[in-house]
Amino acid sequence: GTGVAALLFNALVITKYGRRRVMMTSGFIV
């Protein structure tokens, strides 16, 4: 459920911010 919620939230911000390198690098760090 939390994984699905994260995907839905990401759909709302991907066009506003959505910088690929920053987001993916931050994700791998976390």
ModelCIF file with pLDDT and N, C-alpha, C, O atoms, coordinates in Angstrom:
data_MODEL
#
_entry.id   MODEL 
#
_entity.id                         1 
_entity.type                       polymer 
_entity.pdbx_number_of_molecules   1 
#
_entity_poly.entity_id                      1 
_entity_poly.type                           'polypeptide(L)' 
_entity_poly.nstd_linkage                   no 
_entity_poly.nstd_monomer                   no 
_entity_poly.pdbx_seq_one_letter_code       GTGVAALLFNALVITKYGRRRVMMTSGFIV 
_entity_poly.pdbx_seq_one_letter_code_can   GTGVAALLFNALVITKYGRRRVMMTSGFIV 
_entity_poly.pdbx_strand_id                 A 
#
loop_
_entity_poly_seq.entity_id 
_entity_poly_seq.num 
_entity_poly_seq.mon_id 
_entity_poly_seq.hetero 
1 1  GLY n 
1 2  THR n 
1 3  GLY n 
1 4  VAL n 
1 5  ALA n 
1 6  ALA n 
1 7  LEU n 
1 8  LEU n 
1 9  PHE n 
1 10 ASN n 
1 11 ALA n 
1 12 LEU n 
1 13 VAL n 
1 14 ILE n 
1 15 THR n 
1 16 LYS n 
1 17 TYR n 
1 18 GLY n 
1 19 ARG n 
1 20 ARG n 
1 21 ARG n 
1 22 VAL n 
1 23 MET n 
1 24 MET n 
1 25 THR n 
1 26 SER n 
1 27 GLY n 
1 28 PHE n 
1 29 ILE n 
1 30 VAL n 
#
_struct_asym.id          A 
_struct_asym.entity_id   1 
#
loop_
_ma_qa_metric.id 
_ma_qa_metric.mode 
_ma_qa_metric.name 
_ma_qa_metric.software_group_id 
_ma_qa_metric.type 
1 global pLDDT . pLDDT 
2 local  pLDDT . pLDDT 
#
_ma_qa_metric_global.metric_id      1 
_ma_qa_metric_global.metric_value   82.43 
_ma_qa_metric_global.model_id       1 
_ma_qa_metric_global.ordinal_id     1 
#
loop_
_ma_qa_metric_local.label_asym_id 
_ma_qa_metric_local.label_comp_id 
_ma_qa_metric_local.label_seq_id 
_ma_qa_metric_local.metric_id 
_ma_qa_metric_local.metric_value 
_ma_qa_metric_local.model_id 
_ma_qa_metric_local.ordinal_id 
A GLY 1  2 86.00 1 1  
A THR 2  2 86.00 1 2  
A GLY 3  2 83.00 1 3  
A VAL 4  2 86.00 1 4  
A ALA 5  2 87.00 1 5  
A ALA 6  2 85.00 1 6  
A LEU 7  2 83.00 1 7  
A LEU 8  2 85.00 1 8  
A PHE 9  2 83.00 1 9  
A ASN 10 2 80.00 1 10 
A ALA 11 2 78.00 1 11 
A LEU 12 2 80.00 1 12 
A VAL 13 2 77.00 1 13 
A ILE 14 2 77.00 1 14 
A THR 15 2 74.00 1 15 
A LYS 16 2 75.00 1 16 
A TYR 17 2 75.00 1 17 
A GLY 18 2 67.00 1 18 
A ARG 19 2 77.00 1 19 
A ARG 20 2 77.00 1 20 
A ARG 21 2 79.00 1 21 
A VAL 22 2 82.00 1 22 
A MET 23 2 83.00 1 23 
A MET 24 2 86.00 1 24 
A THR 25 2 87.00 1 25 
A SER 26 2 88.00 1 26 
A GLY 27 2 89.00 1 27 
A PHE 28 2 92.00 1 28 
A ILE 29 2 93.00 1 29 
A VAL 30 2 93.00 1 30 
#
loop_
_atom_site.group_PDB 
_atom_site.id 
_atom_site.type_symbol 
_atom_site.label_atom_id 
_atom_site.label_alt_id 
_atom_site.label_comp_id 
_atom_site.label_asym_id 
_atom_site.label_entity_id 
_atom_site.label_seq_id 
_atom_site.pdbx_PDB_ins_code 
_atom_site.Cartn_x 
_atom_site.Cartn_y 
_atom_site.Cartn_z 
_atom_site.occupancy 
_atom_site.B_iso_or_equiv 
_atom_site.pdbx_formal_charge 
_atom_site.auth_seq_id 
_atom_site.auth_comp_id 
_atom_site.auth_asym_id 
_atom_site.auth_atom_id 
_atom_site.pdbx_PDB_model_num 
ATOM 1   N N  . GLY A 1 1  ? 0.801  -1.210 0.000   1.00 86.00 ? 1  GLY A N  1 
ATOM 2   C CA . GLY A 1 1  ? 0.000  0.000  0.000   1.00 86.00 ? 1  GLY A CA 1 
ATOM 3   C C  . GLY A 1 1  ? 0.839  1.267  0.000   1.00 86.00 ? 1  GLY A C  1 
ATOM 4   O O  . GLY A 1 1  ? 0.549  2.207  -0.740  1.00 86.00 ? 1  GLY A O  1 
ATOM 5   N N  . THR A 1 2  ? 1.870  1.295  0.822   1.00 86.00 ? 2  THR A N  1 
ATOM 6   C CA . THR A 1 2  ? 2.740  2.479  0.852   1.00 86.00 ? 2  THR A CA 1 
ATOM 7   C C  . THR A 1 2  ? 3.485  2.639  -0.459  1.00 86.00 ? 2  THR A C  1 
ATOM 8   O O  . THR A 1 2  ? 3.729  3.761  -0.905  1.00 86.00 ? 2  THR A O  1 
ATOM 9   N N  . GLY A 1 3  ? 3.853  1.515  -1.085  1.00 83.00 ? 3  GLY A N  1 
ATOM 10  C CA . GLY A 1 3  ? 4.523  1.599  -2.386  1.00 83.00 ? 3  GLY A CA 1 
ATOM 11  C C  . GLY A 1 3  ? 3.622  2.183  -3.451  1.00 83.00 ? 3  GLY A C  1 
ATOM 12  O O  . GLY A 1 3  ? 4.060  3.012  -4.248  1.00 83.00 ? 3  GLY A O  1 
ATOM 13  N N  . VAL A 1 4  ? 2.366  1.762  -3.476  1.00 86.00 ? 4  VAL A N  1 
ATOM 14  C CA . VAL A 1 4  ? 1.407  2.309  -4.439  1.00 86.00 ? 4  VAL A CA 1 
ATOM 15  C C  . VAL A 1 4  ? 1.163  3.794  -4.169  1.00 86.00 ? 4  VAL A C  1 
ATOM 16  O O  . VAL A 1 4  ? 1.085  4.588  -5.107  1.00 86.00 ? 4  VAL A O  1 
ATOM 17  N N  . ALA A 1 5  ? 1.041  4.170  -2.904  1.00 87.00 ? 5  ALA A N  1 
ATOM 18  C CA . ALA A 1 5  ? 0.847  5.579  -2.561  1.00 87.00 ? 5  ALA A CA 1 
ATOM 19  C C  . ALA A 1 5  ? 2.023  6.431  -3.029  1.00 87.00 ? 5  ALA A C  1 
ATOM 20  O O  . ALA A 1 5  ? 1.832  7.550  -3.504  1.00 87.00 ? 5  ALA A O  1 
ATOM 21  N N  . ALA A 1 6  ? 3.233  5.904  -2.896  1.00 85.00 ? 6  ALA A N  1 
ATOM 22  C CA . ALA A 1 6  ? 4.421  6.634  -3.350  1.00 85.00 ? 6  ALA A CA 1 
ATOM 23  C C  . ALA A 1 6  ? 4.397  6.828  -4.859  1.00 85.00 ? 6  ALA A C  1 
ATOM 24  O O  . ALA A 1 6  ? 4.771  7.893  -5.352  1.00 85.00 ? 6  ALA A O  1 
ATOM 25  N N  . LEU A 1 7  ? 3.958  5.807  -5.601  1.00 83.00 ? 7  LEU A N  1 
ATOM 26  C CA . LEU A 1 7  ? 3.859  5.933  -7.054  1.00 83.00 ? 7  LEU A CA 1 
ATOM 27  C C  . LEU A 1 7  ? 2.827  6.983  -7.447  1.00 83.00 ? 7  LEU A C  1 
ATOM 28  O O  . LEU A 1 7  ? 3.071  7.779  -8.354  1.00 83.00 ? 7  LEU A O  1 
ATOM 29  N N  . LEU A 1 8  ? 1.684  6.996  -6.782  1.00 85.00 ? 8  LEU A N  1 
ATOM 30  C CA . LEU A 1 8  ? 0.641  7.971  -7.099  1.00 85.00 ? 8  LEU A CA 1 
ATOM 31  C C  . LEU A 1 8  ? 1.097  9.390  -6.778  1.00 85.00 ? 8  LEU A C  1 
ATOM 32  O O  . LEU A 1 8  ? 0.833  10.320 -7.541  1.00 85.00 ? 8  LEU A O  1 
ATOM 33  N N  . PHE A 1 9  ? 1.782  9.553  -5.644  1.00 83.00 ? 9  PHE A N  1 
ATOM 34  C CA . PHE A 1 9  ? 2.296  10.878 -5.293  1.00 83.00 ? 9  PHE A CA 1 
ATOM 35  C C  . PHE A 1 9  ? 3.330  11.339 -6.308  1.00 83.00 ? 9  PHE A C  1 
ATOM 36  O O  . PHE A 1 9  ? 3.371  12.513 -6.676  1.00 83.00 ? 9  PHE A O  1 
ATOM 37  N N  . ASN A 1 10 ? 4.165  10.407 -6.757  1.00 80.00 ? 10 ASN A N  1 
ATOM 38  C CA . ASN A 1 10 ? 5.205  10.762 -7.720  1.00 80.00 ? 10 ASN A CA 1 
ATOM 39  C C  . ASN A 1 10 ? 4.606  11.230 -9.043  1.00 80.00 ? 10 ASN A C  1 
ATOM 40  O O  . ASN A 1 10 ? 5.179  12.083 -9.720  1.00 80.00 ? 10 ASN A O  1 
ATOM 41  N N  . ALA A 1 11 ? 3.453  10.672 -9.409  1.00 78.00 ? 11 ALA A N  1 
ATOM 42  C CA . ALA A 1 11 ? 2.797  11.087 -10.646 1.00 78.00 ? 11 ALA A CA 1 
ATOM 43  C C  . ALA A 1 11 ? 2.381  12.555 -10.608 1.00 78.00 ? 11 ALA A C  1 
ATOM 44  O O  . ALA A 1 11 ? 2.234  13.187 -11.654 1.00 78.00 ? 11 ALA A O  1 
ATOM 45  N N  . LEU A 1 12 ? 2.191  13.099 -9.403  1.00 80.00 ? 12 LEU A N  1 
ATOM 46  C CA . LEU A 1 12 ? 1.776  14.491 -9.269  1.00 80.00 ? 12 LEU A CA 1 
ATOM 47  C C  . LEU A 1 12 ? 2.953  15.464 -9.326  1.00 80.00 ? 12 LEU A C  1 
ATOM 48  O O  . LEU A 1 12 ? 2.774  16.634 -9.665  1.00 80.00 ? 12 LEU A O  1 
ATOM 49  N N  . VAL A 1 13 ? 4.156  14.988 -8.995  1.00 77.00 ? 13 VAL A N  1 
ATOM 50  C CA . VAL A 1 13 ? 5.302  15.897 -8.918  1.00 77.00 ? 13 VAL A CA 1 
ATOM 51  C C  . VAL A 1 13 ? 6.307  15.697 -10.044 1.00 77.00 ? 13 VAL A C  1 
ATOM 52  O O  . VAL A 1 13 ? 7.231  16.497 -10.190 1.00 77.00 ? 13 VAL A O  1 
ATOM 53  N N  . ILE A 1 14 ? 6.146  14.660 -10.831 1.00 77.00 ? 14 ILE A N  1 
ATOM 54  C CA . ILE A 1 14 ? 7.167  14.335 -11.819 1.00 77.00 ? 14 ILE A CA 1 
ATOM 55  C C  . ILE A 1 14 ? 7.294  15.415 -12.888 1.00 77.00 ? 14 ILE A C  1 
ATOM 56  O O  . ILE A 1 14 ? 8.394  15.667 -13.379 1.00 77.00 ? 14 ILE A O  1 
ATOM 57  N N  . THR A 1 15 ? 6.185  16.056 -13.254 1.00 74.00 ? 15 THR A N  1 
ATOM 58  C CA . THR A 1 15 ? 6.259  17.123 -14.249 1.00 74.00 ? 15 THR A CA 1 
ATOM 59  C C  . THR A 1 15 ? 6.665  18.451 -13.632 1.00 74.00 ? 15 THR A C  1 
ATOM 60  O O  . THR A 1 15 ? 7.163  19.324 -14.342 1.00 74.00 ? 15 THR A O  1 
ATOM 61  N N  . LYS A 1 16 ? 6.468  18.629 -12.332 1.00 75.00 ? 16 LYS A N  1 
ATOM 62  C CA . LYS A 1 16 ? 6.844  19.882 -11.671 1.00 75.00 ? 16 LYS A CA 1 
ATOM 63  C C  . LYS A 1 16 ? 8.330  19.920 -11.356 1.00 75.00 ? 16 LYS A C  1 
ATOM 64  O O  . LYS A 1 16 ? 8.995  20.935 -11.564 1.00 75.00 ? 16 LYS A O  1 
ATOM 65  N N  . TYR A 1 17 ? 8.838  18.813 -10.856 1.00 75.00 ? 17 TYR A N  1 
ATOM 66  C CA . TYR A 1 17 ? 10.260 18.752 -10.511 1.00 75.00 ? 17 TYR A CA 1 
ATOM 67  C C  . TYR A 1 17 ? 10.928 17.692 -11.384 1.00 75.00 ? 17 TYR A C  1 
ATOM 68  O O  . TYR A 1 17 ? 11.537 18.022 -12.402 1.00 75.00 ? 17 TYR A O  1 
ATOM 69  N N  . GLY A 1 18 ? 10.821 16.460 -11.005 1.00 67.00 ? 18 GLY A N  1 
ATOM 70  C CA . GLY A 1 18 ? 11.179 15.342 -11.865 1.00 67.00 ? 18 GLY A CA 1 
ATOM 71  C C  . GLY A 1 18 ? 12.559 15.344 -12.481 1.00 67.00 ? 18 GLY A C  1 
ATOM 72  O O  . GLY A 1 18 ? 12.729 14.854 -13.598 1.00 67.00 ? 18 GLY A O  1 
ATOM 73  N N  . ARG A 1 19 ? 13.561 15.883 -11.784 1.00 77.00 ? 19 ARG A N  1 
ATOM 74  C CA . ARG A 1 19 ? 14.922 15.810 -12.324 1.00 77.00 ? 19 ARG A CA 1 
ATOM 75  C C  . ARG A 1 19 ? 15.459 14.400 -12.119 1.00 77.00 ? 19 ARG A C  1 
ATOM 76  O O  . ARG A 1 19 ? 15.604 13.929 -10.991 1.00 77.00 ? 19 ARG A O  1 
ATOM 77  N N  . ARG A 1 20 ? 15.745 13.746 -13.220 1.00 77.00 ? 20 ARG A N  1 
ATOM 78  C CA . ARG A 1 20 ? 16.047 12.319 -13.204 1.00 77.00 ? 20 ARG A CA 1 
ATOM 79  C C  . ARG A 1 20 ? 17.267 11.987 -12.358 1.00 77.00 ? 20 ARG A C  1 
ATOM 80  O O  . ARG A 1 20 ? 17.209 11.091 -11.515 1.00 77.00 ? 20 ARG A O  1 
ATOM 81  N N  . ARG A 1 21 ? 18.371 12.696 -12.571 1.00 79.00 ? 21 ARG A N  1 
ATOM 82  C CA . ARG A 1 21 ? 19.615 12.377 -11.871 1.00 79.00 ? 21 ARG A CA 1 
ATOM 83  C C  . ARG A 1 21 ? 19.475 12.604 -10.369 1.00 79.00 ? 21 ARG A C  1 
ATOM 84  O O  . ARG A 1 21 ? 19.902 11.771 -9.571  1.00 79.00 ? 21 ARG A O  1 
ATOM 85  N N  . VAL A 1 22 ? 18.879 13.728 -9.986  1.00 82.00 ? 22 VAL A N  1 
ATOM 86  C CA . VAL A 1 22 ? 18.741 14.051 -8.569  1.00 82.00 ? 22 VAL A CA 1 
ATOM 87  C C  . VAL A 1 22 ? 17.820 13.069 -7.870  1.00 82.00 ? 22 VAL A C  1 
ATOM 88  O O  . VAL A 1 22 ? 18.135 12.571 -6.789  1.00 82.00 ? 22 VAL A O  1 
ATOM 89  N N  . MET A 1 23 ? 16.672 12.788 -8.495  1.00 83.00 ? 23 MET A N  1 
ATOM 90  C CA . MET A 1 23 ? 15.698 11.902 -7.867  1.00 83.00 ? 23 MET A CA 1 
ATOM 91  C C  . MET A 1 23 ? 16.237 10.487 -7.727  1.00 83.00 ? 23 MET A C  1 
ATOM 92  O O  . MET A 1 23 ? 16.114 9.878  -6.664  1.00 83.00 ? 23 MET A O  1 
ATOM 93  N N  . MET A 1 24 ? 16.834 9.957  -8.795  1.00 86.00 ? 24 MET A N  1 
ATOM 94  C CA . MET A 1 24 ? 17.325 8.580  -8.745  1.00 86.00 ? 24 MET A CA 1 
ATOM 95  C C  . MET A 1 24 ? 18.519 8.442  -7.819  1.00 86.00 ? 24 MET A C  1 
ATOM 96  O O  . MET A 1 24 ? 18.617 7.456  -7.087  1.00 86.00 ? 24 MET A O  1 
ATOM 97  N N  . THR A 1 25 ? 19.428 9.403  -7.833  1.00 87.00 ? 25 THR A N  1 
ATOM 98  C CA . THR A 1 25 ? 20.570 9.348  -6.925  1.00 87.00 ? 25 THR A CA 1 
ATOM 99  C C  . THR A 1 25 ? 20.116 9.430  -5.476  1.00 87.00 ? 25 THR A C  1 
ATOM 100 O O  . THR A 1 25 ? 20.617 8.695  -4.625  1.00 87.00 ? 25 THR A O  1 
ATOM 101 N N  . SER A 1 26 ? 19.164 10.324 -5.189  1.00 88.00 ? 26 SER A N  1 
ATOM 102 C CA . SER A 1 26 ? 18.625 10.425 -3.833  1.00 88.00 ? 26 SER A CA 1 
ATOM 103 C C  . SER A 1 26 ? 17.952 9.127  -3.413  1.00 88.00 ? 26 SER A C  1 
ATOM 104 O O  . SER A 1 26 ? 18.082 8.693  -2.268  1.00 88.00 ? 26 SER A O  1 
ATOM 105 N N  . GLY A 1 27 ? 17.234 8.510  -4.345  1.00 89.00 ? 27 GLY A N  1 
ATOM 106 C CA . GLY A 1 27 ? 16.577 7.248  -4.044  1.00 89.00 ? 27 GLY A CA 1 
ATOM 107 C C  . GLY A 1 27 ? 17.553 6.147  -3.692  1.00 89.00 ? 27 GLY A C  1 
ATOM 108 O O  . GLY A 1 27 ? 17.322 5.381  -2.757  1.00 89.00 ? 27 GLY A O  1 
ATOM 109 N N  . PHE A 1 28 ? 18.649 6.063  -4.440  1.00 92.00 ? 28 PHE A N  1 
ATOM 110 C CA . PHE A 1 28 ? 19.648 5.036  -4.141  1.00 92.00 ? 28 PHE A CA 1 
ATOM 111 C C  . PHE A 1 28 ? 20.347 5.305  -2.813  1.00 92.00 ? 28 PHE A C  1 
ATOM 112 O O  . PHE A 1 28 ? 20.724 4.366  -2.111  1.00 92.00 ? 28 PHE A O  1 
ATOM 113 N N  . ILE A 1 29 ? 20.521 6.570  -2.464  1.00 93.00 ? 29 ILE A N  1 
ATOM 114 C CA . ILE A 1 29 ? 21.122 6.892  -1.168  1.00 93.00 ? 29 ILE A CA 1 
ATOM 115 C C  . ILE A 1 29 ? 20.213 6.438  -0.033  1.00 93.00 ? 29 ILE A C  1 
ATOM 116 O O  . ILE A 1 29 ? 20.669 5.802  0.917   1.00 93.00 ? 29 ILE A O  1 
ATOM 117 N N  . VAL A 1 30 ? 18.914 6.768  -0.134  1.00 93.00 ? 30 VAL A N  1 
ATOM 118 C CA . VAL A 1 30 ? 17.964 6.379  0.913   1.00 93.00 ? 30 VAL A CA 1 
ATOM 119 C C  . VAL A 1 30 ? 17.840 4.864  0.995   1.00 93.00 ? 30 VAL A C  1 
ATOM 120 O O  . VAL A 1 30 ? 17.084 4.350  1.820   1.00 93.00 ? 30 VAL A O  1 
#
